[in-house]
């Protein structure tokens, strides 16, 4: 028997469960997200991608010329194709006309933008793979020389006005988004570029490059705090994860920040770092020590690690190496917790915890 398309399942269930908005038609859909037209002529994206949703909550408070305006975002539960339920994330934005130019013209503008940056970064020996990561890093590092070079080259490229206008809009969108949060990511696909009713080219579908938590988690940040809500769907096969997890960024190599998963442990006197992570991140060996565990004492090394929290707060964790912790690389102990405010409480099917930094 052929399964019903997920875009139809979500549309029917959304209209039934969310009376504040009404879907009239499907605009776009793929394996993990669908874009719908609402009755009020705005767009609704339903996605299973928490990276996009968590960044949208920050983007909602901002307004940029070449980035699609966010009106609302919320989490809800909708059915799947297999008669169970799943967490989904709903993002309501202004309507974009994705047919304002032929797809080939939009792709030519993306290629022009990408190729000019690749040439510039190659000359300066800063081009890695994939190229888009190096481009985003240049904007995150506020490479004003590179931005001016790209803008001048776009204008003198000899391409049509339609192509250069789109490439210039991409340059502006990247600059604004990466200043807002250097860990954000613009997904360079033609369907993520459109035009508003007032003839402004805008980019949509922006998210974090990596959050490191599944869709049972929701992250909210302020300039001095991180709040994580864990609210899983309960079913007969469910096993609750009682760990207090938090995504972190670690400086692996001269400003190259990579995501790892941390775990808050109020019972640990100091932080811990798995041996695999210690070796992979080339952490400093500050001398031998011994640690106690469920199986007795074991030899370890004292070390330290610079980390960045989801709200951009940077600090150095001090502790020692330890054994493997499944997908967790860093255990956050009292060396950090004693210097900030930590709160936790039960919340629906799970719990909520908050770190407020001094």
Protein backbone atom coordinates (compact mmCIF):
# COMPACT_ATOMS: atom_id res chain seq x y z
CA UNK A 1 0.00 0.00 0.00
CA UNK A 2 1.38 3.44 -0.95
CA UNK A 3 2.01 5.71 2.03
CA UNK A 4 0.30 9.09 2.11
CA UNK A 5 2.70 11.98 1.34
CA UNK A 6 4.07 13.62 4.49
CA UNK A 7 3.28 17.13 3.18
CA UNK A 8 -0.43 16.20 3.03
CA UNK A 9 -0.35 14.47 6.43
CA UNK A 10 1.24 17.54 8.05
CA UNK A 11 -1.11 19.96 6.30
CA UNK A 12 -4.26 18.13 7.42
CA UNK A 13 -3.03 17.65 10.99
CA UNK A 14 -1.76 21.23 11.29
CA UNK A 15 -5.08 22.70 10.16
CA UNK A 16 -6.85 20.54 12.72
CA UNK A 17 -4.51 21.20 15.66
CA UNK A 18 -3.47 24.83 15.08
CA UNK A 19 -6.55 27.05 14.63
CA UNK A 20 -4.51 30.29 14.71
CA UNK A 21 -3.21 29.61 11.19
CA UNK A 22 -4.69 27.84 8.16
CA UNK A 23 -2.74 26.21 5.31
CA UNK A 24 -4.23 26.65 1.86
CA UNK A 25 -1.63 24.92 -0.37
CA UNK A 26 1.78 23.28 -0.59
CA UNK A 27 4.61 25.41 -2.04
CA UNK A 28 7.70 23.18 -1.61
CA UNK A 29 8.53 19.89 0.06
CA UNK A 30 11.44 17.49 0.53
CA UNK A 31 12.25 14.59 2.82
CA UNK A 32 12.62 16.70 6.00
CA UNK A 33 10.62 19.90 5.52
CA UNK A 34 7.59 21.37 3.76
CA UNK A 35 6.74 24.96 2.88
CA UNK A 36 3.07 25.95 2.78
CA UNK A 37 1.07 29.02 1.82
CA UNK A 38 -1.10 30.29 4.65
CA UNK A 39 -4.50 31.87 4.28
CA UNK A 40 -3.04 35.26 5.30
CA UNK A 41 -0.50 35.04 2.39
CA UNK A 42 2.49 34.28 4.60
CA UNK A 43 4.66 31.15 4.43
CA UNK A 44 4.82 28.31 6.94
CA UNK A 45 7.81 25.99 6.97
CA UNK A 46 7.35 22.75 8.92
CA UNK A 47 10.66 21.00 9.47
CA UNK A 48 12.29 18.33 11.62
CA UNK A 49 15.54 20.35 11.60
CA UNK A 50 16.17 21.77 15.11
CA UNK A 51 19.23 23.71 13.81
CA UNK A 52 17.01 25.98 11.75
CA UNK A 53 14.38 26.37 14.48
CA UNK A 54 16.77 27.26 17.29
CA UNK A 55 18.44 29.94 15.19
CA UNK A 56 15.07 31.28 14.01
CA UNK A 57 14.18 32.18 17.60
CA UNK A 58 17.13 34.59 17.58
CA UNK A 59 16.46 35.83 14.05
CA UNK A 60 12.82 36.58 14.95
CA UNK A 61 13.88 39.67 16.93
CA UNK A 62 15.92 41.09 14.02
CA UNK A 63 15.11 42.58 10.64
CA UNK A 64 17.56 42.74 7.74
CA UNK A 65 17.08 43.99 4.20
CA UNK A 66 18.04 40.75 2.45
CA UNK A 67 16.87 38.15 5.02
CA UNK A 68 13.26 36.96 5.09
CA UNK A 69 11.33 38.36 8.05
CA UNK A 70 10.31 35.88 10.77
CA UNK A 71 6.85 36.42 12.28
CA UNK A 72 6.46 33.39 14.54
CA UNK A 73 8.10 30.08 15.42
CA UNK A 74 6.88 27.26 17.63
CA UNK A 75 7.25 23.55 18.27
CA UNK A 76 4.40 21.03 17.99
CA UNK A 77 3.71 17.32 17.56
CA UNK A 78 2.41 16.03 14.21
CA UNK A 79 1.82 12.51 12.86
CA UNK A 80 4.28 10.64 10.65
CA UNK A 81 3.61 8.37 7.66
CA UNK A 82 3.75 5.37 9.98
CA UNK A 83 0.85 6.24 12.33
CA UNK A 84 3.05 7.50 15.17
CA UNK A 85 3.98 11.06 16.18
CA UNK A 86 7.06 13.25 16.03
CA UNK A 87 8.31 16.66 17.11
CA UNK A 88 8.25 19.23 14.31
CA UNK A 89 9.25 22.89 14.17
CA UNK A 90 7.04 25.56 12.61
CA UNK A 91 8.46 28.81 11.19
CA UNK A 92 6.20 31.54 9.77
CA UNK A 93 7.84 34.05 7.42
CA UNK A 94 6.92 36.61 4.82
CA UNK A 95 5.96 35.25 1.39
CA UNK A 96 8.75 34.94 -1.19
CA UNK A 97 8.31 34.62 -4.94
CA UNK A 98 10.87 31.98 -5.94
CA UNK A 99 9.96 32.36 -9.61
CA UNK A 100 11.10 35.99 -9.81
CA UNK A 101 13.93 34.75 -12.04
CA UNK A 102 14.54 31.43 -13.83
CA UNK A 103 16.26 28.80 -11.67
CA UNK A 104 19.29 28.92 -13.99
CA UNK A 105 19.72 32.66 -13.32
CA UNK A 106 19.53 32.19 -9.53
CA UNK A 107 22.01 29.30 -9.72
CA UNK A 108 24.37 31.45 -11.83
CA UNK A 109 24.34 34.08 -9.07
CA UNK A 110 25.11 31.44 -6.42
CA UNK A 111 27.97 30.12 -8.57
CA UNK A 112 29.35 33.64 -9.13
CA UNK A 113 29.27 34.37 -5.38
CA UNK A 114 30.85 31.03 -4.48
CA UNK A 115 33.53 31.10 -7.22
CA UNK A 116 34.68 34.66 -6.45
CA UNK A 117 35.07 33.82 -2.78
CA UNK A 118 36.88 30.56 -3.63
CA UNK A 119 39.35 32.43 -5.85
CA UNK A 120 40.00 35.02 -3.12
CA UNK A 121 40.48 32.40 -0.38
CA UNK A 122 42.67 30.23 -2.60
CA UNK A 123 45.01 33.17 -3.26
CA UNK A 124 45.28 33.71 0.51
CA UNK A 125 45.72 29.95 1.22
CA UNK A 126 42.51 29.82 3.27
CA UNK A 127 40.29 27.67 1.07
CA UNK A 128 39.24 24.36 2.63
CA UNK A 129 36.71 21.73 1.71
CA UNK A 130 33.84 22.22 1.36
CA UNK A 131 34.28 25.76 0.05
CA UNK A 132 31.06 27.03 1.68
CA UNK A 133 32.54 26.40 5.15
CA UNK A 134 35.58 28.58 4.31
CA UNK A 135 33.29 31.30 2.96
CA UNK A 136 31.18 31.32 6.13
CA UNK A 137 34.33 31.42 8.23
CA UNK A 138 35.54 34.51 6.33
CA UNK A 139 32.28 36.33 7.14
CA UNK A 140 32.38 35.14 10.76
CA UNK A 141 35.91 36.56 11.07
CA UNK A 142 34.66 39.88 9.60
CA UNK A 143 37.04 39.79 6.65
CA UNK A 144 36.22 43.31 5.43
CA UNK A 145 38.97 43.21 2.79
CA UNK A 146 37.46 40.03 1.35
CA UNK A 147 33.93 41.42 1.40
CA UNK A 148 34.99 44.56 -0.48
CA UNK A 149 36.93 42.46 -2.99
CA UNK A 150 33.90 40.22 -3.62
CA UNK A 151 31.52 43.17 -3.96
CA UNK A 152 33.81 44.92 -6.48
CA UNK A 153 34.29 41.70 -8.47
CA UNK A 154 30.54 41.03 -8.56
CA UNK A 155 29.86 44.50 -9.95
CA UNK A 156 32.56 44.19 -12.62
CA UNK A 157 31.96 40.50 -13.46
CA UNK A 158 30.14 41.19 -16.72
CA UNK A 159 27.11 39.14 -15.69
CA UNK A 160 23.57 40.38 -16.21
CA UNK A 161 22.00 42.84 -13.76
CA UNK A 162 19.70 40.07 -12.54
CA UNK A 163 22.65 37.81 -11.61
CA UNK A 164 24.69 40.59 -9.96
CA UNK A 165 21.68 41.80 -7.92
CA UNK A 166 21.21 38.31 -6.44
CA UNK A 167 24.94 37.90 -5.71
CA UNK A 168 25.03 41.30 -3.96
CA UNK A 169 22.00 40.28 -1.87
CA UNK A 170 23.84 37.09 -0.84
CA UNK A 171 26.88 39.12 0.23
CA UNK A 172 24.73 41.38 2.41
CA UNK A 173 22.75 38.49 3.93
CA UNK A 174 25.93 36.58 4.84
CA UNK A 175 27.48 39.68 6.41
CA UNK A 176 24.44 40.40 8.61
CA UNK A 177 23.77 36.81 9.65
CA UNK A 178 27.38 35.97 10.57
CA UNK A 179 27.69 39.16 12.63
CA UNK A 180 24.50 38.17 14.48
CA UNK A 181 25.95 34.73 15.25
CA UNK A 182 29.20 33.32 13.77
CA UNK A 183 27.80 29.77 14.15
CA UNK A 184 24.87 30.44 11.82
CA UNK A 185 24.70 28.90 8.35
CA UNK A 186 22.99 29.92 5.10
CA UNK A 187 21.95 26.97 2.95
CA UNK A 188 22.88 27.97 -0.62
CA UNK A 189 20.04 26.48 -2.67
CA UNK A 190 17.90 28.20 -5.29
CA UNK A 191 14.69 27.53 -3.32
CA UNK A 192 16.09 29.60 -0.44
CA UNK A 193 16.23 32.78 -2.57
CA UNK A 194 13.14 34.76 -3.51
CA UNK A 195 11.64 38.20 -3.93
CA UNK A 196 9.11 40.03 -1.75
CA UNK A 197 6.11 42.00 -3.01
CA UNK A 198 8.17 45.21 -2.78
CA UNK A 199 10.83 43.76 -5.14
CA UNK A 200 13.56 43.06 -2.56
CA UNK A 201 15.65 39.90 -2.98
CA UNK A 202 15.71 37.92 0.27
CA UNK A 203 17.29 34.78 1.65
CA UNK A 204 15.35 32.32 3.82
CA UNK A 205 16.01 28.99 5.52
CA UNK A 206 18.87 30.04 7.81
CA UNK A 207 20.03 27.89 10.72
CA UNK A 208 22.88 26.90 12.97
CA UNK A 209 25.62 24.90 11.31
CA UNK A 210 25.30 22.34 14.12
CA UNK A 211 23.45 22.14 17.42
CA UNK A 212 24.33 18.58 18.39
CA UNK A 213 21.01 17.71 20.07
CA UNK A 214 18.02 15.85 18.66
CA UNK A 215 14.51 17.21 18.24
CA UNK A 216 13.54 16.40 21.85
CA UNK A 217 15.59 19.44 22.89
CA UNK A 218 14.89 23.12 22.50
CA UNK A 219 17.50 25.84 23.14
CA UNK A 220 16.89 29.46 24.14
CA UNK A 221 19.71 31.93 24.67
CA UNK A 222 20.31 35.46 25.92
CA UNK A 223 23.58 37.35 26.04
CA UNK A 224 24.36 35.82 29.46
CA UNK A 225 22.31 32.60 29.65
CA UNK A 226 21.47 29.29 27.98
CA UNK A 227 18.18 27.48 28.66
CA UNK A 228 17.65 23.93 27.41
CA UNK A 229 14.25 22.24 27.48
CA UNK A 230 14.08 18.45 27.12
CA UNK A 231 10.51 17.37 26.34
CA UNK A 232 10.42 13.99 24.57
CA UNK A 233 7.41 12.26 23.04
CA UNK A 234 6.32 9.35 25.24
CA UNK A 235 5.56 5.99 23.62
CA UNK A 236 5.85 2.34 24.58
CA UNK A 237 9.48 2.11 23.42
CA UNK A 238 10.59 5.35 25.07
CA UNK A 239 13.58 5.45 27.42
CA UNK A 240 14.13 8.90 28.91
CA UNK A 241 17.59 10.41 28.66
CA UNK A 242 18.30 11.82 32.12
CA UNK A 243 21.56 13.48 31.11
CA UNK A 244 21.70 17.29 31.08
CA UNK A 245 23.27 17.75 27.64
CA UNK A 246 24.50 20.96 26.07
CA UNK A 247 26.18 21.65 22.70
CA UNK A 248 29.60 23.31 22.84
CA UNK A 249 32.10 24.67 20.33
CA UNK A 250 35.80 23.93 20.75
CA UNK A 251 38.73 25.70 19.11
CA UNK A 252 40.44 22.75 17.41
CA UNK A 253 43.00 24.54 15.24
CA UNK A 254 43.77 28.26 15.08
CA UNK A 255 40.21 29.54 15.17
CA UNK A 256 38.48 26.51 13.60
CA UNK A 257 35.54 25.92 15.95
CA UNK A 258 33.99 22.46 15.84
CA UNK A 259 30.89 21.18 17.68
CA UNK A 260 31.05 18.68 20.51
CA UNK A 261 28.49 17.49 23.04
CA UNK A 262 28.85 18.39 26.71
CA UNK A 263 27.09 17.06 29.79
CA UNK A 264 26.42 19.03 32.98
CA UNK A 265 27.37 17.08 36.12
CA UNK A 266 26.69 18.83 39.45
CA UNK A 267 28.45 16.00 41.29
CA UNK A 268 31.79 16.45 39.55
CA UNK A 269 34.33 18.63 41.38
CA UNK A 270 36.04 19.48 38.08
CA UNK A 271 35.40 19.03 34.39
CA UNK A 272 36.35 15.91 32.46
CA UNK A 273 37.41 15.20 28.89
CA UNK A 274 37.23 11.80 27.22
CA UNK A 275 40.55 10.33 26.15
CA UNK A 276 39.40 10.26 22.51
CA UNK A 277 38.53 13.95 22.65
CA UNK A 278 41.79 14.78 24.50
CA UNK A 279 43.78 13.25 21.64
CA UNK A 280 41.59 14.54 18.80
CA UNK A 281 41.64 18.13 20.09
CA UNK A 282 45.36 17.96 21.00
CA UNK A 283 44.70 19.26 24.53
CA UNK A 284 47.71 20.11 26.72
CA UNK A 285 49.07 17.44 29.03
CA UNK A 286 49.43 19.24 32.40
CA UNK A 287 50.73 16.24 34.27
CA UNK A 288 49.55 12.82 35.50
CA UNK A 289 46.76 12.29 38.02
CA UNK A 290 44.35 9.57 39.15
CA UNK A 291 40.56 9.64 39.03
CA UNK A 292 37.98 7.47 40.77
CA UNK A 293 35.14 5.74 38.97
CA UNK A 294 32.66 2.90 39.28
CA UNK A 295 35.40 0.39 38.44
CA UNK A 296 38.02 1.89 40.77
CA UNK A 297 40.85 4.36 40.15
CA UNK A 298 42.50 4.94 36.80
CA UNK A 299 45.46 6.89 35.49
CA UNK A 300 44.62 10.18 33.81
CA UNK A 301 46.08 13.52 32.72
CA UNK A 302 45.27 16.97 33.99
CA UNK A 303 44.29 19.30 31.15
CA UNK A 304 42.22 22.33 30.15
CA UNK A 305 40.01 23.29 27.23
CA UNK A 306 38.62 26.56 25.79
CA UNK A 307 34.91 26.20 24.99
CA UNK A 308 32.12 28.38 23.61
CA UNK A 309 28.53 27.94 24.84
CA UNK A 310 25.47 28.32 22.55
CA UNK A 311 24.98 31.98 23.53
CA UNK A 312 28.59 32.85 22.62
CA UNK A 313 29.94 32.80 26.20
CA UNK A 314 33.59 31.68 26.19
CA UNK A 315 35.50 30.17 29.08
CA UNK A 316 38.21 27.67 29.96
CA UNK A 317 37.27 24.38 31.63
CA UNK A 318 39.83 22.70 33.89
CA UNK A 319 39.92 19.00 34.73
CA UNK A 320 41.30 15.65 33.71
CA UNK A 321 40.89 12.93 31.11
CA UNK A 322 38.34 10.17 31.64
CA UNK A 323 36.85 7.12 29.91
CA UNK A 324 34.35 7.08 27.05
CA UNK A 325 30.91 8.65 27.64
CA UNK A 326 28.91 7.51 24.59
CA UNK A 327 28.44 10.63 22.43
CA UNK A 328 29.58 13.09 25.14
CA UNK A 329 33.09 14.56 24.85
CA UNK A 330 33.14 16.98 27.81
CA UNK A 331 31.77 16.67 31.34
CA UNK A 332 31.06 20.12 32.84
CA UNK A 333 31.86 20.13 36.54
CA UNK A 334 31.93 22.53 39.46
CA UNK A 335 34.93 24.46 38.13
CA UNK A 336 32.35 26.15 35.88
CA UNK A 337 29.12 25.64 37.84
CA UNK A 338 30.50 27.27 41.00
CA UNK A 339 31.03 30.49 39.03
CA UNK A 340 27.58 30.74 37.46
CA UNK A 341 23.93 30.26 38.42
CA UNK A 342 22.51 26.83 37.60
CA UNK A 343 18.78 26.00 37.76
CA UNK A 344 16.84 22.85 36.85
CA UNK A 345 13.19 21.83 37.08
CA UNK A 346 10.77 19.20 35.81
CA UNK A 347 8.96 20.15 32.60
CA UNK A 348 6.14 18.13 30.98
CA UNK A 349 7.66 14.79 29.89
CA UNK A 350 11.20 15.83 30.72
CA UNK A 351 12.99 18.72 32.38
CA UNK A 352 14.46 22.18 31.82
CA UNK A 353 17.84 23.51 32.91
CA UNK A 354 19.45 26.94 32.70
CA UNK A 355 22.98 28.28 33.01
CA UNK A 356 23.33 32.00 33.76
CA UNK A 357 26.88 33.28 33.45
CA UNK A 358 28.26 36.06 35.64
